[in-house]
N, C-alpha and C. Protein backbone atom coordinates (compact mmCIF):
# COMPACT_ATOMS: atom_id res chain seq x y z
N MET A 1 -36.02 18.24 -47.84
CA MET A 1 -35.30 18.49 -47.17
C MET A 1 -35.17 18.41 -45.51
N GLN A 2 -36.22 18.50 -44.91
CA GLN A 2 -36.38 18.01 -43.60
C GLN A 2 -36.34 16.58 -43.22
N LYS A 3 -36.59 15.54 -44.33
CA LYS A 3 -36.58 14.31 -43.87
C LYS A 3 -35.37 13.74 -43.70
N ILE A 4 -34.15 14.20 -44.20
CA ILE A 4 -32.92 13.62 -44.24
C ILE A 4 -32.61 13.65 -42.83
N PRO A 5 -32.42 14.97 -42.16
CA PRO A 5 -31.80 14.96 -40.74
C PRO A 5 -32.74 14.30 -39.82
N ILE A 6 -34.11 14.22 -40.00
CA ILE A 6 -34.80 13.50 -39.15
C ILE A 6 -34.53 11.74 -39.42
N MET A 7 -34.16 11.33 -40.51
CA MET A 7 -34.16 9.93 -40.69
C MET A 7 -32.36 9.72 -40.08
N LEU A 8 -31.53 10.68 -40.26
CA LEU A 8 -30.22 10.49 -39.66
C LEU A 8 -30.39 10.18 -38.16
N ALA A 9 -31.29 11.32 -37.44
CA ALA A 9 -31.42 11.33 -36.02
C ALA A 9 -32.04 9.81 -35.65
N PHE A 10 -33.15 9.46 -36.21
CA PHE A 10 -33.59 8.17 -35.84
C PHE A 10 -32.49 7.08 -36.02
N PHE A 11 -31.77 7.09 -37.33
CA PHE A 11 -30.83 5.73 -37.23
C PHE A 11 -29.78 6.07 -36.12
N GLY A 12 -29.37 7.12 -35.77
CA GLY A 12 -28.38 7.59 -34.51
C GLY A 12 -29.04 6.97 -33.23
N ILE A 13 -30.19 7.11 -33.01
CA ILE A 13 -30.70 6.77 -31.89
C ILE A 13 -31.04 5.14 -31.96
N VAL A 14 -31.23 4.54 -32.94
CA VAL A 14 -31.54 2.80 -33.06
C VAL A 14 -30.03 2.52 -32.79
N LEU A 15 -29.04 3.09 -33.46
CA LEU A 15 -27.66 2.48 -33.44
C LEU A 15 -27.15 2.82 -31.78
N CYS A 16 -27.48 3.80 -31.22
CA CYS A 16 -27.19 4.06 -29.63
C CYS A 16 -27.67 3.07 -28.91
N ALA A 17 -29.14 2.79 -29.29
CA ALA A 17 -29.87 1.72 -28.34
C ALA A 17 -29.30 0.31 -28.63
N LEU A 18 -28.62 -0.06 -29.77
CA LEU A 18 -28.25 -1.43 -29.98
C LEU A 18 -26.71 -1.58 -29.21
N PHE A 19 -26.00 -0.24 -29.23
CA PHE A 19 -24.57 -0.24 -28.58
C PHE A 19 -24.95 -0.20 -27.21
N ALA A 20 -25.97 0.44 -26.58
CA ALA A 20 -26.24 0.45 -25.17
C ALA A 20 -26.67 -0.85 -24.53
N GLY A 21 -27.14 -1.85 -25.45
CA GLY A 21 -27.77 -3.29 -24.97
C GLY A 21 -29.25 -2.94 -24.43
N CYS A 22 -30.07 -1.98 -24.95
CA CYS A 22 -31.31 -1.98 -24.65
C CYS A 22 -32.23 -2.99 -25.59
N THR A 23 -31.44 -3.83 -26.15
CA THR A 23 -32.15 -4.62 -26.97
C THR A 23 -32.23 -6.23 -26.41
N SER A 24 -31.54 -6.29 -25.28
CA SER A 24 -31.64 -7.56 -24.39
C SER A 24 -32.78 -8.09 -24.06
N PRO A 25 -32.89 -9.61 -23.85
CA PRO A 25 -34.18 -10.11 -23.45
C PRO A 25 -34.74 -9.66 -22.47
N THR A 26 -36.05 -9.73 -22.12
CA THR A 26 -36.91 -9.14 -21.17
C THR A 26 -36.65 -10.25 -19.89
N GLY A 27 -37.05 -9.70 -18.89
CA GLY A 27 -36.91 -10.79 -17.51
C GLY A 27 -37.65 -11.91 -17.60
N ALA A 28 -38.66 -11.84 -18.48
CA ALA A 28 -39.57 -13.25 -18.54
C ALA A 28 -38.79 -14.24 -19.16
N GLU A 29 -37.72 -14.07 -20.09
CA GLU A 29 -36.82 -14.85 -20.94
C GLU A 29 -35.72 -15.26 -20.28
N ILE A 30 -35.28 -14.54 -19.16
CA ILE A 30 -34.19 -14.95 -18.55
C ILE A 30 -34.34 -15.97 -17.45
N GLN A 31 -33.79 -17.06 -17.39
CA GLN A 31 -34.00 -18.00 -16.54
C GLN A 31 -32.88 -17.97 -15.54
N SER A 32 -33.23 -18.32 -14.04
CA SER A 32 -32.25 -17.99 -13.16
C SER A 32 -31.61 -19.73 -12.95
N THR A 33 -30.37 -19.68 -12.73
CA THR A 33 -29.89 -20.91 -12.26
C THR A 33 -29.65 -20.97 -10.51
N ALA A 34 -29.88 -22.17 -10.16
CA ALA A 34 -29.64 -22.38 -8.72
C ALA A 34 -27.95 -22.20 -8.22
N THR A 35 -27.88 -20.99 -7.18
CA THR A 35 -26.58 -20.95 -6.90
C THR A 35 -25.87 -22.04 -5.85
N PRO A 36 -24.77 -22.69 -6.41
CA PRO A 36 -24.57 -23.57 -5.33
C PRO A 36 -24.05 -23.08 -4.13
N VAL A 37 -24.35 -23.78 -2.97
CA VAL A 37 -23.75 -22.99 -1.77
C VAL A 37 -22.28 -23.58 -1.38
N PRO A 38 -21.32 -22.59 -1.02
CA PRO A 38 -20.08 -23.16 -0.82
C PRO A 38 -19.91 -23.76 0.14
N THR A 39 -19.14 -24.61 0.42
CA THR A 39 -18.83 -25.45 1.56
C THR A 39 -17.48 -24.94 2.19
N SER A 40 -17.55 -24.84 3.54
CA SER A 40 -16.22 -24.41 4.17
C SER A 40 -15.27 -25.35 4.16
N PRO A 41 -14.00 -24.98 4.24
CA PRO A 41 -13.13 -25.98 4.37
C PRO A 41 -13.03 -26.25 5.67
N PRO A 42 -12.40 -27.57 6.06
CA PRO A 42 -12.09 -27.81 7.47
C PRO A 42 -11.23 -27.04 7.96
N GLN A 43 -11.68 -26.89 9.28
CA GLN A 43 -10.86 -25.70 10.24
C GLN A 43 -9.64 -26.54 10.62
N ILE A 44 -8.41 -26.09 10.56
CA ILE A 44 -6.94 -26.70 11.00
C ILE A 44 -6.72 -25.75 12.08
N PRO A 45 -6.35 -26.31 13.32
CA PRO A 45 -6.15 -25.61 14.41
C PRO A 45 -4.62 -25.01 14.24
N THR A 46 -4.63 -23.80 14.66
CA THR A 46 -3.49 -23.21 14.49
C THR A 46 -2.91 -22.57 15.88
N THR A 47 -1.58 -22.39 15.95
CA THR A 47 -1.02 -22.07 17.27
C THR A 47 -0.49 -20.47 16.84
N ASP A 48 -0.53 -19.57 17.92
CA ASP A 48 0.01 -18.25 17.79
C ASP A 48 1.32 -18.35 17.91
N VAL A 49 2.17 -18.42 16.77
CA VAL A 49 3.75 -18.56 16.93
C VAL A 49 4.12 -17.31 16.16
N PRO A 50 4.74 -16.32 16.79
CA PRO A 50 5.30 -15.23 16.15
C PRO A 50 6.13 -15.64 14.93
N PRO A 51 6.25 -14.90 13.78
CA PRO A 51 6.88 -15.13 12.50
C PRO A 51 8.47 -15.22 12.87
N ILE A 52 9.21 -15.95 12.28
CA ILE A 52 10.60 -15.75 12.63
C ILE A 52 11.12 -14.87 11.29
N LEU A 53 11.73 -13.70 11.90
CA LEU A 53 12.17 -12.93 11.20
C LEU A 53 13.77 -12.80 10.97
N THR A 54 14.40 -12.75 9.74
CA THR A 54 15.76 -12.61 9.45
C THR A 54 16.07 -11.42 8.78
N PRO A 55 16.71 -10.59 9.16
CA PRO A 55 17.16 -9.49 8.47
C PRO A 55 17.77 -9.75 7.27
N LEU A 56 17.38 -9.27 6.21
CA LEU A 56 17.95 -9.45 4.69
C LEU A 56 18.75 -8.13 4.33
N PRO A 57 19.49 -8.21 3.15
CA PRO A 57 20.53 -7.23 3.10
C PRO A 57 19.44 -6.24 2.20
N VAL A 58 19.56 -4.95 2.32
CA VAL A 58 19.14 -3.86 1.95
C VAL A 58 19.50 -3.13 0.67
N GLU A 59 18.70 -2.52 -0.31
CA GLU A 59 19.16 -1.98 -1.60
C GLU A 59 19.84 -0.72 -1.19
N THR A 60 20.74 -0.43 -2.11
CA THR A 60 21.38 0.70 -1.78
C THR A 60 20.86 1.67 -3.09
N LEU A 61 20.37 2.76 -2.69
CA LEU A 61 20.04 3.98 -3.50
C LEU A 61 21.08 4.48 -4.56
N PRO A 62 20.88 4.55 -5.70
CA PRO A 62 21.97 5.20 -6.63
C PRO A 62 22.38 6.46 -5.97
N GLU A 63 23.72 6.84 -6.24
CA GLU A 63 24.15 8.06 -5.66
C GLU A 63 23.30 9.29 -5.69
N GLU A 64 22.75 9.63 -7.07
CA GLU A 64 22.12 10.67 -7.41
C GLU A 64 20.77 10.69 -6.63
N GLN A 65 20.32 9.73 -6.23
CA GLN A 65 18.97 9.55 -5.41
C GLN A 65 19.14 9.44 -3.86
N SER A 66 20.42 9.49 -3.25
CA SER A 66 20.38 9.33 -2.01
C SER A 66 19.93 10.30 -1.06
N VAL A 67 19.55 9.67 0.07
CA VAL A 67 18.62 10.38 1.06
C VAL A 67 19.05 9.90 2.43
N GLU A 68 18.80 10.94 3.46
CA GLU A 68 19.21 10.60 4.61
C GLU A 68 17.89 10.19 5.58
N LEU A 69 17.89 8.99 6.09
CA LEU A 69 16.91 8.38 6.94
C LEU A 69 17.41 8.04 8.29
N VAL A 70 16.88 8.64 9.28
CA VAL A 70 17.15 8.17 10.63
C VAL A 70 16.19 7.49 11.50
N LEU A 71 16.57 6.00 11.81
CA LEU A 71 15.74 5.18 12.47
C LEU A 71 16.13 5.08 13.83
N SER A 72 15.04 5.32 14.87
CA SER A 72 15.48 5.28 16.00
C SER A 72 14.28 4.63 17.30
N LYS A 73 14.61 4.12 18.21
CA LYS A 73 13.56 3.72 19.23
C LYS A 73 13.66 4.57 20.46
N GLN A 74 12.77 5.18 20.86
CA GLN A 74 12.75 6.06 21.94
C GLN A 74 12.39 5.71 23.47
N ARG A 75 12.68 6.16 24.16
CA ARG A 75 12.64 5.78 25.70
C ARG A 75 11.82 7.14 26.21
N PRO A 76 10.83 6.98 26.96
CA PRO A 76 10.55 5.82 27.81
C PRO A 76 9.07 5.11 27.16
N ASP A 77 8.74 5.63 26.08
CA ASP A 77 7.63 5.06 25.66
C ASP A 77 7.74 3.79 24.43
N SER A 78 8.96 3.58 24.00
CA SER A 78 9.19 2.54 23.14
C SER A 78 8.84 2.71 21.78
N SER A 79 8.55 4.14 21.61
CA SER A 79 8.09 4.70 20.21
C SER A 79 9.28 4.55 19.01
N ILE A 80 8.96 4.19 17.75
CA ILE A 80 9.73 4.26 16.75
C ILE A 80 9.55 4.99 15.90
N HIS A 81 10.85 5.93 15.79
CA HIS A 81 10.71 7.02 14.98
C HIS A 81 11.49 6.87 13.67
N LEU A 82 11.13 7.40 12.51
CA LEU A 82 11.74 7.54 11.27
C LEU A 82 11.71 8.90 10.80
N LEU A 83 12.97 9.63 10.87
CA LEU A 83 13.07 11.03 10.43
C LEU A 83 13.58 11.04 8.91
N TYR A 84 13.15 11.73 7.92
CA TYR A 84 13.51 12.23 6.68
C TYR A 84 14.18 13.37 6.98
N ASN A 85 15.58 13.27 6.41
CA ASN A 85 16.37 14.73 6.33
C ASN A 85 16.97 15.05 4.94
N GLY A 86 16.12 14.30 3.87
CA GLY A 86 16.46 14.86 2.39
C GLY A 86 17.79 14.33 2.04
N GLY A 87 18.25 15.14 1.03
CA GLY A 87 19.60 14.68 0.62
C GLY A 87 19.52 14.98 -1.03
N LYS A 88 20.44 14.38 -1.92
CA LYS A 88 20.78 14.57 -3.09
C LYS A 88 19.48 14.30 -4.10
N GLY A 89 19.05 13.10 -3.32
CA GLY A 89 17.78 12.72 -4.34
C GLY A 89 16.39 12.95 -3.88
N GLU A 90 16.34 13.96 -3.09
CA GLU A 90 15.03 14.41 -2.50
C GLU A 90 13.86 14.72 -3.48
N VAL A 91 14.27 15.22 -4.70
CA VAL A 91 13.44 15.70 -5.75
C VAL A 91 12.77 14.44 -6.27
N SER A 92 13.45 13.31 -6.28
CA SER A 92 12.93 12.21 -6.97
C SER A 92 12.06 11.27 -6.06
N VAL A 93 12.03 11.75 -4.65
CA VAL A 93 11.22 10.59 -3.73
C VAL A 93 9.76 10.79 -3.89
N LYS A 94 9.14 9.80 -3.98
CA LYS A 94 7.76 10.00 -4.06
C LYS A 94 6.83 9.54 -2.62
N ASN A 95 7.54 8.55 -2.27
CA ASN A 95 6.86 7.95 -1.02
C ASN A 95 8.07 7.49 0.02
N ILE A 96 7.54 7.18 1.23
CA ILE A 96 8.53 6.49 2.24
C ILE A 96 7.33 5.71 3.10
N MET A 97 7.64 4.32 3.07
CA MET A 97 6.77 3.62 4.01
C MET A 97 7.67 2.79 5.04
N MET A 98 7.00 2.85 6.15
CA MET A 98 7.90 2.12 7.47
C MET A 98 6.92 1.00 7.78
N LYS A 99 7.38 -0.39 7.73
CA LYS A 99 6.75 -1.48 8.20
C LYS A 99 7.14 -1.99 9.54
N VAL A 100 6.32 -2.06 10.68
CA VAL A 100 7.00 -2.72 11.80
C VAL A 100 6.20 -3.76 12.51
N THR A 101 7.18 -5.00 12.64
CA THR A 101 6.44 -6.18 12.92
C THR A 101 6.86 -6.02 14.48
N LEU A 102 5.85 -5.83 15.69
CA LEU A 102 6.10 -5.88 16.98
C LEU A 102 6.46 -7.15 17.50
N SER A 103 7.17 -7.00 18.57
CA SER A 103 7.40 -8.17 19.35
C SER A 103 6.38 -9.19 19.69
N ASN A 104 5.12 -8.50 19.83
CA ASN A 104 3.96 -9.42 20.13
C ASN A 104 3.11 -10.03 18.93
N GLY A 105 3.70 -9.80 17.83
CA GLY A 105 3.45 -10.32 16.35
C GLY A 105 2.46 -9.18 15.66
N GLN A 106 2.13 -8.22 16.05
CA GLN A 106 1.22 -7.16 15.42
C GLN A 106 2.03 -6.48 14.38
N VAL A 107 1.59 -6.41 12.87
CA VAL A 107 2.35 -5.67 12.13
C VAL A 107 1.65 -4.20 11.72
N VAL A 108 2.53 -3.15 11.83
CA VAL A 108 1.69 -1.99 11.55
C VAL A 108 2.63 -1.36 10.53
N GLN A 109 1.81 -0.44 9.61
CA GLN A 109 2.61 0.18 8.32
C GLN A 109 2.22 1.57 8.31
N GLN A 110 2.92 2.54 8.03
CA GLN A 110 2.63 3.67 7.99
C GLN A 110 3.34 4.51 6.94
N TYR A 111 2.82 5.30 6.00
CA TYR A 111 3.23 6.10 4.76
C TYR A 111 3.66 7.63 5.10
N MET A 112 4.83 8.02 4.69
CA MET A 112 4.91 9.42 4.81
C MET A 112 4.17 10.18 3.88
N ASN A 113 3.89 9.60 2.76
CA ASN A 113 3.26 10.31 1.66
C ASN A 113 1.68 10.47 2.00
N ASP A 114 1.12 11.43 2.38
CA ASP A 114 -0.18 11.26 2.87
C ASP A 114 -1.30 11.49 1.73
N GLY A 115 -0.79 11.29 0.62
CA GLY A 115 -1.51 11.41 -0.70
C GLY A 115 -1.78 12.74 -1.27
N ASN A 116 -1.27 13.70 -0.52
CA ASN A 116 -1.62 15.27 -1.14
C ASN A 116 0.06 15.63 -1.36
N ARG A 117 0.78 15.28 -0.75
CA ARG A 117 2.23 15.62 -1.11
C ARG A 117 3.31 14.78 -1.09
N LYS A 118 4.46 14.91 -1.59
CA LYS A 118 5.69 14.06 -1.28
C LYS A 118 6.34 14.47 -0.04
N PRO A 119 6.91 13.45 0.43
CA PRO A 119 7.71 13.66 1.73
C PRO A 119 8.48 15.02 1.64
N ARG A 120 8.84 15.68 2.83
CA ARG A 120 9.65 16.81 2.98
C ARG A 120 10.81 16.78 4.12
N ARG A 121 11.58 17.53 4.12
CA ARG A 121 12.76 17.62 5.03
C ARG A 121 12.16 17.78 6.42
N GLY A 122 12.41 16.89 7.19
CA GLY A 122 11.85 16.94 8.76
C GLY A 122 10.81 16.19 8.90
N ASP A 123 10.10 15.51 7.89
CA ASP A 123 8.93 14.58 8.14
C ASP A 123 9.39 13.45 8.93
N GLU A 124 8.33 13.26 9.76
CA GLU A 124 8.90 12.03 10.52
C GLU A 124 7.62 11.00 10.98
N LEU A 125 7.86 9.82 10.89
CA LEU A 125 6.87 8.52 11.13
C LEU A 125 7.24 8.27 12.43
N ILE A 126 6.03 7.99 13.34
CA ILE A 126 6.14 7.65 14.69
C ILE A 126 5.14 6.32 14.73
N ILE A 127 5.71 5.29 15.12
CA ILE A 127 4.92 3.96 15.36
C ILE A 127 5.12 3.43 16.98
N GLU A 128 4.08 3.45 17.56
CA GLU A 128 4.13 2.89 19.01
C GLU A 128 4.80 1.40 19.09
N GLY A 129 5.87 1.28 19.76
CA GLY A 129 6.52 0.18 19.69
C GLY A 129 6.31 -0.66 20.90
N THR A 130 7.11 -1.82 21.34
CA THR A 130 6.98 -2.32 22.34
C THR A 130 8.31 -2.52 23.31
N ARG A 131 8.36 -2.89 24.50
CA ARG A 131 9.70 -2.94 25.06
C ARG A 131 10.64 -4.26 24.64
N GLY A 132 9.95 -4.96 23.79
CA GLY A 132 10.88 -6.06 23.21
C GLY A 132 11.41 -5.69 21.87
N LYS A 133 12.00 -6.73 21.35
CA LYS A 133 12.72 -6.31 19.91
C LYS A 133 11.78 -6.22 18.91
N ASP A 134 11.60 -5.37 18.29
CA ASP A 134 10.59 -4.83 17.31
C ASP A 134 11.39 -5.08 15.75
N PHE A 135 11.01 -5.52 14.71
CA PHE A 135 11.46 -5.41 13.33
C PHE A 135 11.10 -4.54 12.59
N VAL A 136 11.96 -3.95 12.07
CA VAL A 136 11.43 -2.50 11.30
C VAL A 136 12.09 -2.60 9.84
N GLN A 137 11.10 -2.33 8.89
CA GLN A 137 11.58 -2.47 7.29
C GLN A 137 11.31 -0.95 6.97
N VAL A 138 12.02 -0.50 6.04
CA VAL A 138 11.69 0.97 5.46
C VAL A 138 11.85 0.69 3.99
N TYR A 139 10.84 1.22 3.31
CA TYR A 139 10.85 1.26 1.84
C TYR A 139 10.76 2.62 1.21
N LEU A 140 11.44 2.86 0.45
CA LEU A 140 11.44 4.09 -0.29
C LEU A 140 11.28 4.13 -1.77
N THR A 141 10.09 4.88 -2.34
CA THR A 141 9.90 5.01 -3.68
C THR A 141 10.65 6.15 -4.34
N SER A 142 11.53 6.08 -5.24
CA SER A 142 12.18 7.23 -5.82
C SER A 142 12.42 6.75 -7.51
N ALA A 143 12.13 7.97 -8.26
CA ALA A 143 12.32 7.63 -9.72
C ALA A 143 11.62 6.46 -10.35
N GLY A 144 10.39 6.18 -9.69
CA GLY A 144 9.37 4.94 -10.20
C GLY A 144 9.87 3.74 -9.74
N ARG A 145 10.52 3.70 -8.83
CA ARG A 145 11.37 2.26 -8.45
C ARG A 145 11.09 2.20 -7.02
N THR A 146 10.56 1.24 -5.96
CA THR A 146 10.68 0.88 -4.82
C THR A 146 11.78 0.10 -4.30
N TYR A 147 12.58 0.76 -3.24
CA TYR A 147 13.82 0.27 -2.84
C TYR A 147 13.49 0.01 -1.20
N LYS A 148 14.35 -1.29 -0.87
CA LYS A 148 13.94 -1.55 0.46
C LYS A 148 15.39 -1.02 1.26
N VAL A 149 15.31 0.21 1.86
CA VAL A 149 16.60 0.94 2.43
C VAL A 149 16.87 0.69 3.66
N LYS A 150 16.09 0.21 4.61
CA LYS A 150 16.48 -0.14 5.95
C LYS A 150 15.64 -1.32 6.33
N GLU A 151 16.39 -2.36 7.12
CA GLU A 151 15.77 -3.52 7.80
C GLU A 151 16.55 -3.74 8.81
N GLU A 152 15.86 -3.80 10.04
CA GLU A 152 16.67 -4.05 11.23
C GLU A 152 15.76 -4.34 12.60
N PHE A 153 16.41 -5.02 13.63
CA PHE A 153 15.66 -4.92 14.68
C PHE A 153 16.07 -3.85 15.60
N LEU A 154 14.98 -3.27 16.48
CA LEU A 154 15.15 -2.46 17.19
C LEU A 154 14.73 -2.68 18.66
N ALA A 155 15.69 -2.56 19.58
CA ALA A 155 15.28 -2.67 20.98
C ALA A 155 15.84 -1.47 21.84
N LEU A 156 15.42 -1.34 23.00
CA LEU A 156 15.57 -0.15 23.81
C LEU A 156 16.95 -0.59 24.41
N SER A 157 17.79 0.43 24.40
CA SER A 157 19.33 0.24 25.07
C SER A 157 19.28 0.90 26.50
N TYR A 158 19.73 0.28 27.55
CA TYR A 158 19.65 0.69 28.68
C TYR A 158 21.14 0.94 29.14
N LEU A 159 21.88 1.81 28.76
CA LEU A 159 23.15 2.05 28.94
C LEU A 159 23.22 3.29 29.89
């Protein structure tokens, strides 16, 4: 009676060892091969030319998913603000991302979803802008799809 459970346990351990790879060859049997040293590609001189940005049409959210986003550039510090005011589709909004290409060529991205919660009414993203024209793109993820909802150049107005 005692032999059957012991034999089953022994075969179970042997099967586990086989599946775990404990029966692979030892270090003496494994031969290493020489690793080729990668050669670096020739360096091509580049110039610091800012990217040419052209506003493209944005996508319109379906009526049942519509929300209000207010985009502005503030004086005197040239900061770029994106204010989320909610709307009909606020229950399905998962994330809002603002991507800014500054006039000096630097690209900055910020997400309204901090990983812990969905965006709420009154949430705001603030990115430090420049005194020149900054290019802003706003992406909204709603109902499992990401839409580009805003894309425009922002500059300070001195009226």
